[in-house]
Amino acid sequence: MAHLASGDSDDPLEDIDSHAVLDELQNIIVQGAAVSRYFWPSNSAHEVRGRELREMFQITEQSPLRSRHLRNMIEHFDEKLDHYLAKGIVGHVIPHYFGPEGANTGVPTHFFRAYFTNVGIFEILGKRYEIEPIAKELWRLHELASD
């Protein structure tokens, strides 16, 4: 985890390489999307396999890995970016952000990629995802597969 440190400030958030943390958080989402394809295949011909794996790994339909929105956001990011930009962006555009979620100032703020430390939310192109449930589910699956 040393690659996440960037300095020697008194504020721990200032000592973090925000790009590296955002990369790691996005990787959790990417891995969650990849794993979800095994349990919920997009091709209905593979539904039996998905159902059997869900039973084997005790995965319910409420799993945080179930979200197709999350999967599609990652797998079709270029298309999502085109649609997002086509809406007409007005206000502040922030390519990356790591820190607490600020108060609404009335001016729209557009985050391409952000993690709000005070609420545990990862935002990508206006879509918000809770990281902790995804990470916990991936860890649970890892533990089950390791036994």
N, C-alpha and C. Protein backbone atom coordinates (compact mmCIF):
# COMPACT_ATOMS: atom_id res chain seq x y z
N MET A 1 0.81 -1.20 0.00
CA MET A 1 0.00 0.00 0.00
C MET A 1 0.85 1.26 0.00
N ALA A 2 2.16 1.10 0.04
CA ALA A 2 3.04 2.26 0.05
C ALA A 2 2.85 3.12 -1.19
N HIS A 3 2.40 2.51 -2.28
CA HIS A 3 2.20 3.29 -3.51
C HIS A 3 1.08 4.30 -3.38
N LEU A 4 0.29 4.22 -2.32
CA LEU A 4 -0.80 5.17 -2.12
C LEU A 4 -0.36 6.43 -1.38
N ALA A 5 0.81 6.39 -0.75
CA ALA A 5 1.31 7.55 0.00
C ALA A 5 1.96 8.54 -0.95
N SER A 6 1.81 9.84 -0.64
CA SER A 6 2.39 10.85 -1.51
C SER A 6 3.19 11.92 -0.78
N GLY A 7 3.14 11.97 0.54
CA GLY A 7 3.84 13.05 1.24
C GLY A 7 3.87 12.87 2.73
N ASP A 8 4.23 13.95 3.42
CA ASP A 8 4.38 13.91 4.88
C ASP A 8 3.55 14.97 5.57
N SER A 9 2.33 15.16 5.18
CA SER A 9 1.46 16.17 5.76
C SER A 9 0.88 15.69 7.09
N ASP A 10 0.38 16.64 7.89
CA ASP A 10 -0.32 16.30 9.13
C ASP A 10 -1.72 15.76 8.85
N ASP A 11 -2.25 16.07 7.69
CA ASP A 11 -3.58 15.60 7.30
C ASP A 11 -3.43 14.31 6.50
N PRO A 12 -3.95 13.18 7.01
CA PRO A 12 -3.78 11.90 6.31
C PRO A 12 -4.33 11.92 4.89
N LEU A 13 -5.41 12.67 4.63
CA LEU A 13 -5.94 12.72 3.27
C LEU A 13 -4.99 13.42 2.31
N GLU A 14 -4.19 14.36 2.82
CA GLU A 14 -3.23 15.04 1.96
C GLU A 14 -2.05 14.14 1.62
N ASP A 15 -1.78 13.12 2.44
CA ASP A 15 -0.67 12.21 2.21
C ASP A 15 -1.01 11.09 1.24
N ILE A 16 -2.21 11.07 0.75
CA ILE A 16 -2.64 9.98 -0.12
C ILE A 16 -2.54 10.41 -1.58
N ASP A 17 -2.01 9.53 -2.39
CA ASP A 17 -1.98 9.74 -3.83
C ASP A 17 -3.39 9.46 -4.35
N SER A 18 -4.16 10.50 -4.57
CA SER A 18 -5.57 10.34 -4.91
C SER A 18 -5.77 9.58 -6.22
N HIS A 19 -4.86 9.76 -7.17
CA HIS A 19 -4.97 9.01 -8.44
C HIS A 19 -4.84 7.51 -8.18
N ALA A 20 -3.88 7.13 -7.34
CA ALA A 20 -3.67 5.72 -7.03
C ALA A 20 -4.87 5.14 -6.29
N VAL A 21 -5.43 5.89 -5.36
CA VAL A 21 -6.60 5.40 -4.62
C VAL A 21 -7.79 5.25 -5.56
N LEU A 22 -8.02 6.24 -6.42
CA LEU A 22 -9.12 6.14 -7.37
C LEU A 22 -8.93 4.95 -8.30
N ASP A 23 -7.69 4.71 -8.72
CA ASP A 23 -7.40 3.53 -9.55
C ASP A 23 -7.76 2.25 -8.81
N GLU A 24 -7.38 2.16 -7.54
CA GLU A 24 -7.68 0.96 -6.74
C GLU A 24 -9.18 0.78 -6.55
N LEU A 25 -9.88 1.87 -6.28
CA LEU A 25 -11.33 1.79 -6.10
C LEU A 25 -12.02 1.39 -7.40
N GLN A 26 -11.56 1.97 -8.51
CA GLN A 26 -12.14 1.59 -9.79
C GLN A 26 -11.84 0.13 -10.10
N ASN A 27 -10.67 -0.35 -9.69
CA ASN A 27 -10.33 -1.75 -9.89
C ASN A 27 -11.29 -2.66 -9.12
N ILE A 28 -11.69 -2.26 -7.93
CA ILE A 28 -12.68 -3.05 -7.19
C ILE A 28 -13.97 -3.16 -8.00
N ILE A 29 -14.39 -2.06 -8.60
CA ILE A 29 -15.60 -2.06 -9.41
C ILE A 29 -15.42 -2.93 -10.65
N VAL A 30 -14.26 -2.81 -11.31
CA VAL A 30 -13.98 -3.61 -12.51
C VAL A 30 -14.00 -5.10 -12.16
N GLN A 31 -13.35 -5.47 -11.06
CA GLN A 31 -13.32 -6.87 -10.65
C GLN A 31 -14.72 -7.35 -10.26
N GLY A 32 -15.47 -6.50 -9.60
CA GLY A 32 -16.85 -6.86 -9.26
C GLY A 32 -17.69 -7.11 -10.50
N ALA A 33 -17.51 -6.27 -11.51
CA ALA A 33 -18.23 -6.44 -12.78
C ALA A 33 -17.81 -7.74 -13.46
N ALA A 34 -16.52 -8.04 -13.44
CA ALA A 34 -16.02 -9.27 -14.07
C ALA A 34 -16.58 -10.50 -13.36
N VAL A 35 -16.55 -10.50 -12.04
CA VAL A 35 -17.05 -11.64 -11.27
C VAL A 35 -18.55 -11.81 -11.48
N SER A 36 -19.27 -10.71 -11.57
CA SER A 36 -20.73 -10.80 -11.70
C SER A 36 -21.15 -11.54 -12.97
N ARG A 37 -20.33 -11.49 -14.01
CA ARG A 37 -20.66 -12.19 -15.26
C ARG A 37 -20.73 -13.70 -15.06
N TYR A 38 -19.98 -14.24 -14.12
CA TYR A 38 -20.06 -15.68 -13.85
C TYR A 38 -21.40 -16.05 -13.22
N PHE A 39 -21.91 -15.18 -12.37
CA PHE A 39 -23.13 -15.47 -11.63
C PHE A 39 -24.39 -15.05 -12.36
N TRP A 40 -24.29 -14.02 -13.18
CA TRP A 40 -25.42 -13.53 -13.97
C TRP A 40 -24.95 -13.34 -15.41
N PRO A 41 -24.79 -14.44 -16.16
CA PRO A 41 -24.30 -14.31 -17.54
C PRO A 41 -25.28 -13.53 -18.41
N SER A 42 -24.74 -12.75 -19.34
CA SER A 42 -25.61 -11.97 -20.21
C SER A 42 -26.29 -12.84 -21.26
N ASN A 43 -25.70 -13.97 -21.60
CA ASN A 43 -26.28 -14.90 -22.56
C ASN A 43 -27.15 -15.90 -21.80
N SER A 44 -28.43 -15.95 -22.13
CA SER A 44 -29.36 -16.83 -21.41
C SER A 44 -29.00 -18.31 -21.55
N ALA A 45 -28.21 -18.66 -22.55
CA ALA A 45 -27.79 -20.06 -22.72
C ALA A 45 -26.92 -20.52 -21.55
N HIS A 46 -26.37 -19.57 -20.80
CA HIS A 46 -25.49 -19.90 -19.67
C HIS A 46 -26.16 -19.68 -18.32
N GLU A 47 -27.47 -19.48 -18.33
CA GLU A 47 -28.19 -19.20 -17.09
C GLU A 47 -28.08 -20.34 -16.08
N VAL A 48 -28.07 -21.58 -16.54
CA VAL A 48 -27.97 -22.72 -15.62
C VAL A 48 -26.67 -22.64 -14.83
N ARG A 49 -25.58 -22.36 -15.53
CA ARG A 49 -24.29 -22.21 -14.85
C ARG A 49 -24.36 -21.09 -13.82
N GLY A 50 -24.92 -19.97 -14.18
CA GLY A 50 -25.03 -18.85 -13.26
C GLY A 50 -25.83 -19.21 -12.03
N ARG A 51 -26.96 -19.87 -12.23
CA ARG A 51 -27.82 -20.26 -11.10
C ARG A 51 -27.08 -21.24 -10.18
N GLU A 52 -26.39 -22.22 -10.76
CA GLU A 52 -25.65 -23.20 -9.95
C GLU A 52 -24.53 -22.53 -9.16
N LEU A 53 -23.83 -21.60 -9.78
CA LEU A 53 -22.77 -20.89 -9.06
C LEU A 53 -23.33 -20.02 -7.95
N ARG A 54 -24.46 -19.37 -8.22
CA ARG A 54 -25.08 -18.55 -7.17
C ARG A 54 -25.47 -19.41 -5.97
N GLU A 55 -26.01 -20.58 -6.24
CA GLU A 55 -26.36 -21.50 -5.14
C GLU A 55 -25.10 -21.95 -4.41
N MET A 56 -24.08 -22.33 -5.15
CA MET A 56 -22.85 -22.83 -4.55
C MET A 56 -22.18 -21.78 -3.66
N PHE A 57 -22.22 -20.52 -4.11
CA PHE A 57 -21.57 -19.43 -3.37
C PHE A 57 -22.55 -18.63 -2.51
N GLN A 58 -23.78 -19.13 -2.39
CA GLN A 58 -24.80 -18.51 -1.54
C GLN A 58 -24.99 -17.02 -1.88
N ILE A 59 -25.20 -16.77 -3.15
CA ILE A 59 -25.38 -15.40 -3.63
C ILE A 59 -26.85 -15.17 -3.93
N THR A 60 -27.40 -14.12 -3.36
CA THR A 60 -28.81 -13.79 -3.57
C THR A 60 -28.94 -12.74 -4.67
N GLU A 61 -30.17 -12.50 -5.05
CA GLU A 61 -30.44 -11.47 -6.05
C GLU A 61 -30.17 -10.06 -5.51
N GLN A 62 -30.01 -9.93 -4.19
CA GLN A 62 -29.71 -8.64 -3.58
C GLN A 62 -28.20 -8.38 -3.51
N SER A 63 -27.40 -9.25 -4.06
CA SER A 63 -25.95 -9.08 -4.02
C SER A 63 -25.54 -7.75 -4.65
N PRO A 64 -24.57 -7.06 -4.06
CA PRO A 64 -24.09 -5.81 -4.66
C PRO A 64 -23.41 -6.03 -6.01
N LEU A 65 -23.08 -7.28 -6.33
CA LEU A 65 -22.47 -7.58 -7.63
C LEU A 65 -23.52 -7.72 -8.73
N ARG A 66 -24.77 -7.76 -8.39
CA ARG A 66 -25.86 -8.01 -9.33
C ARG A 66 -26.09 -6.87 -10.31
N SER A 67 -25.76 -5.67 -9.95
CA SER A 67 -26.11 -4.48 -10.73
C SER A 67 -25.55 -4.51 -12.15
N ARG A 68 -26.44 -4.56 -13.12
CA ARG A 68 -26.02 -4.46 -14.52
C ARG A 68 -25.61 -3.02 -14.86
N HIS A 69 -26.16 -2.06 -14.13
CA HIS A 69 -25.77 -0.66 -14.36
C HIS A 69 -24.28 -0.50 -14.11
N LEU A 70 -23.82 -1.08 -13.03
CA LEU A 70 -22.40 -1.00 -12.69
C LEU A 70 -21.56 -1.69 -13.77
N ARG A 71 -21.97 -2.89 -14.14
CA ARG A 71 -21.25 -3.63 -15.17
C ARG A 71 -21.19 -2.84 -16.48
N ASN A 72 -22.33 -2.32 -16.89
CA ASN A 72 -22.39 -1.58 -18.15
C ASN A 72 -21.57 -0.29 -18.10
N MET A 73 -21.56 0.37 -16.94
CA MET A 73 -20.78 1.60 -16.80
C MET A 73 -19.30 1.32 -17.07
N ILE A 74 -18.81 0.21 -16.55
CA ILE A 74 -17.41 -0.13 -16.72
C ILE A 74 -17.14 -0.65 -18.12
N GLU A 75 -17.98 -1.56 -18.59
CA GLU A 75 -17.73 -2.21 -19.88
C GLU A 75 -17.96 -1.29 -21.07
N HIS A 76 -18.80 -0.30 -20.90
CA HIS A 76 -19.12 0.61 -22.02
C HIS A 76 -18.83 2.06 -21.63
N PHE A 77 -17.73 2.26 -20.93
CA PHE A 77 -17.40 3.59 -20.42
C PHE A 77 -17.33 4.62 -21.55
N ASP A 78 -16.73 4.24 -22.68
CA ASP A 78 -16.59 5.20 -23.78
C ASP A 78 -17.95 5.68 -24.28
N GLU A 79 -18.91 4.77 -24.41
CA GLU A 79 -20.25 5.15 -24.85
C GLU A 79 -20.94 6.01 -23.79
N LYS A 80 -20.78 5.62 -22.53
CA LYS A 80 -21.40 6.38 -21.44
C LYS A 80 -20.83 7.80 -21.39
N LEU A 81 -19.52 7.93 -21.64
CA LEU A 81 -18.89 9.24 -21.66
C LEU A 81 -19.47 10.09 -22.79
N ASP A 82 -19.64 9.50 -23.96
CA ASP A 82 -20.24 10.24 -25.09
C ASP A 82 -21.63 10.75 -24.73
N HIS A 83 -22.46 9.89 -24.14
CA HIS A 83 -23.82 10.29 -23.75
C HIS A 83 -23.79 11.37 -22.68
N TYR A 84 -22.90 11.22 -21.73
CA TYR A 84 -22.78 12.19 -20.64
C TYR A 84 -22.40 13.56 -21.18
N LEU A 85 -21.42 13.60 -22.06
CA LEU A 85 -20.96 14.87 -22.62
C LEU A 85 -21.98 15.48 -23.57
N ALA A 86 -22.78 14.65 -24.23
CA ALA A 86 -23.77 15.14 -25.18
C ALA A 86 -24.90 15.90 -24.49
N LYS A 87 -25.08 15.70 -23.19
CA LYS A 87 -26.14 16.39 -22.45
C LYS A 87 -25.87 17.89 -22.33
N GLY A 88 -24.64 18.29 -22.56
CA GLY A 88 -24.29 19.69 -22.38
C GLY A 88 -23.88 19.92 -20.94
N ILE A 89 -22.62 20.06 -20.73
CA ILE A 89 -22.07 20.21 -19.39
C ILE A 89 -21.99 21.69 -19.03
N VAL A 90 -22.62 22.05 -17.93
CA VAL A 90 -22.58 23.41 -17.41
C VAL A 90 -22.16 23.32 -15.95
N GLY A 91 -21.27 24.18 -15.53
CA GLY A 91 -20.83 24.18 -14.14
C GLY A 91 -19.38 23.76 -14.03
N HIS A 92 -19.04 23.19 -12.89
CA HIS A 92 -17.66 22.77 -12.63
C HIS A 92 -17.44 21.35 -13.14
N VAL A 93 -16.36 21.15 -13.87
CA VAL A 93 -15.98 19.82 -14.35
C VAL A 93 -14.72 19.42 -13.60
N ILE A 94 -14.81 18.29 -12.89
CA ILE A 94 -13.68 17.82 -12.09
C ILE A 94 -13.32 16.42 -12.56
N PRO A 95 -12.17 16.28 -13.23
CA PRO A 95 -11.78 14.97 -13.78
C PRO A 95 -11.60 13.89 -12.71
N HIS A 96 -11.02 14.26 -11.57
CA HIS A 96 -10.85 13.30 -10.48
C HIS A 96 -10.91 14.05 -9.15
N TYR A 97 -11.45 13.35 -8.15
CA TYR A 97 -11.58 13.96 -6.83
C TYR A 97 -11.53 12.87 -5.78
N PHE A 98 -10.82 13.15 -4.69
CA PHE A 98 -10.77 12.25 -3.54
C PHE A 98 -10.84 13.11 -2.29
N GLY A 99 -11.92 12.98 -1.54
CA GLY A 99 -12.09 13.77 -0.33
C GLY A 99 -13.54 13.78 0.08
N PRO A 100 -13.89 14.61 1.06
CA PRO A 100 -15.27 14.65 1.53
C PRO A 100 -16.21 15.26 0.49
N GLU A 101 -17.45 14.82 0.54
CA GLU A 101 -18.47 15.38 -0.34
C GLU A 101 -18.80 16.77 0.16
N GLY A 102 -18.76 17.74 -0.73
CA GLY A 102 -19.02 19.12 -0.33
C GLY A 102 -20.49 19.46 -0.34
N ALA A 103 -20.79 20.62 0.20
CA ALA A 103 -22.17 21.11 0.23
C ALA A 103 -22.58 21.55 -1.17
N ASN A 104 -23.85 21.46 -1.45
CA ASN A 104 -24.39 21.90 -2.73
C ASN A 104 -24.36 23.42 -2.78
N THR A 105 -23.63 23.97 -3.74
CA THR A 105 -23.50 25.43 -3.86
C THR A 105 -24.47 26.02 -4.87
N GLY A 106 -25.26 25.16 -5.52
CA GLY A 106 -26.18 25.64 -6.54
C GLY A 106 -25.59 25.58 -7.93
N VAL A 107 -24.27 25.47 -8.03
CA VAL A 107 -23.61 25.33 -9.33
C VAL A 107 -23.37 23.84 -9.56
N PRO A 108 -23.82 23.30 -10.70
CA PRO A 108 -23.61 21.87 -10.96
C PRO A 108 -22.12 21.51 -10.96
N THR A 109 -21.82 20.38 -10.38
CA THR A 109 -20.46 19.86 -10.38
C THR A 109 -20.48 18.49 -11.04
N HIS A 110 -19.60 18.30 -12.00
CA HIS A 110 -19.54 17.05 -12.76
C HIS A 110 -18.22 16.36 -12.46
N PHE A 111 -18.31 15.20 -11.85
CA PHE A 111 -17.13 14.41 -11.53
C PHE A 111 -17.02 13.28 -12.55
N PHE A 112 -15.88 13.21 -13.22
CA PHE A 112 -15.66 12.06 -14.09
C PHE A 112 -15.36 10.84 -13.23
N ARG A 113 -14.63 11.05 -12.16
CA ARG A 113 -14.27 9.97 -11.24
C ARG A 113 -14.01 10.59 -9.88
N ALA A 114 -14.73 10.12 -8.86
CA ALA A 114 -14.57 10.71 -7.53
C ALA A 114 -14.85 9.66 -6.46
N TYR A 115 -14.21 9.85 -5.32
CA TYR A 115 -14.53 9.04 -4.13
C TYR A 115 -14.74 10.01 -2.98
N PHE A 116 -15.92 9.94 -2.39
CA PHE A 116 -16.27 10.82 -1.28
C PHE A 116 -16.01 10.07 0.02
N THR A 117 -14.97 10.49 0.71
CA THR A 117 -14.49 9.77 1.88
C THR A 117 -15.47 9.78 3.05
N ASN A 118 -16.28 10.81 3.16
CA ASN A 118 -17.20 10.90 4.30
C ASN A 118 -18.44 10.03 4.13
N VAL A 119 -18.72 9.58 2.92
CA VAL A 119 -19.91 8.74 2.69
C VAL A 119 -19.58 7.40 2.03
N GLY A 120 -18.32 7.18 1.65
CA GLY A 120 -17.92 5.91 1.05
C GLY A 120 -18.52 5.65 -0.31
N ILE A 121 -18.70 6.72 -1.07
CA ILE A 121 -19.33 6.62 -2.39
C ILE A 121 -18.30 6.89 -3.48
N PHE A 122 -18.30 6.03 -4.50
CA PHE A 122 -17.49 6.22 -5.70
C PHE A 122 -18.45 6.72 -6.78
N GLU A 123 -18.10 7.83 -7.41
CA GLU A 123 -18.95 8.39 -8.46
C GLU A 123 -18.19 8.38 -9.77
N ILE A 124 -18.89 7.95 -10.81
CA ILE A 124 -18.30 7.96 -12.15
C ILE A 124 -19.38 8.44 -13.12
N LEU A 125 -19.12 9.57 -13.75
CA LEU A 125 -20.05 10.19 -14.70
C LEU A 125 -21.46 10.34 -14.13
N GLY A 126 -21.55 10.81 -12.90
CA GLY A 126 -22.85 11.07 -12.30
C GLY A 126 -23.53 9.87 -11.67
N LYS A 127 -22.98 8.69 -11.83
CA LYS A 127 -23.54 7.48 -11.21
C LYS A 127 -22.75 7.19 -9.94
N ARG A 128 -23.48 6.86 -8.88
CA ARG A 128 -22.85 6.68 -7.57
C ARG A 128 -22.97 5.22 -7.12
N TYR A 129 -21.88 4.72 -6.55
CA TYR A 129 -21.83 3.33 -6.10
C TYR A 129 -21.18 3.26 -4.73
N GLU A 130 -21.78 2.46 -3.86
CA GLU A 130 -21.18 2.20 -2.56
C GLU A 130 -20.09 1.16 -2.76
N ILE A 131 -18.88 1.47 -2.37
CA ILE A 131 -17.74 0.57 -2.56
C ILE A 131 -17.73 -0.54 -1.51
N GLU A 132 -18.02 -0.22 -0.27
CA GLU A 132 -17.86 -1.20 0.81
C GLU A 132 -18.66 -2.48 0.58
N PRO A 133 -19.94 -2.43 0.20
CA PRO A 133 -20.67 -3.68 -0.02
C PRO A 133 -20.06 -4.53 -1.15
N ILE A 134 -19.56 -3.88 -2.19
CA ILE A 134 -18.93 -4.61 -3.29
C ILE A 134 -17.66 -5.28 -2.81
N ALA A 135 -16.83 -4.52 -2.10
CA ALA A 135 -15.57 -5.07 -1.59
C ALA A 135 -15.82 -6.21 -0.61
N LYS A 136 -16.80 -6.06 0.27
CA LYS A 136 -17.11 -7.12 1.24
C LYS A 136 -17.59 -8.39 0.53
N GLU A 137 -18.40 -8.24 -0.49
CA GLU A 137 -18.90 -9.41 -1.23
C GLU A 137 -17.75 -10.09 -1.98
N LEU A 138 -16.87 -9.32 -2.59
CA LEU A 138 -15.71 -9.92 -3.26
C LEU A 138 -14.83 -10.66 -2.26
N TRP A 139 -14.64 -10.07 -1.09
CA TRP A 139 -13.83 -10.72 -0.05
C TRP A 139 -14.50 -12.00 0.43
N ARG A 140 -15.81 -11.97 0.61
CA ARG A 140 -16.55 -13.16 1.04
C ARG A 140 -16.38 -14.28 0.02
N LEU A 141 -16.51 -13.95 -1.26
CA LEU A 141 -16.34 -14.95 -2.32
C LEU A 141 -14.92 -15.49 -2.34
N HIS A 142 -13.96 -14.62 -2.13
CA HIS A 142 -12.56 -15.05 -2.07
C HIS A 142 -12.36 -16.05 -0.94
N GLU A 143 -12.91 -15.75 0.22
CA GLU A 143 -12.79 -16.64 1.38
C GLU A 143 -13.45 -17.99 1.10
N LEU A 144 -14.63 -17.98 0.49
CA LEU A 144 -15.31 -19.24 0.16
C LEU A 144 -14.51 -20.06 -0.84
N ALA A 145 -13.98 -19.39 -1.85
CA ALA A 145 -13.21 -20.09 -2.89
C ALA A 145 -11.88 -20.61 -2.35
N SER A 146 -11.37 -19.98 -1.31
CA SER A 146 -10.08 -20.38 -0.74
C SER A 146 -10.19 -21.58 0.19
N ASP A 147 -11.40 -21.87 0.68
CA ASP A 147 -11.58 -22.99 1.62
C ASP A 147 -11.45 -24.33 0.94
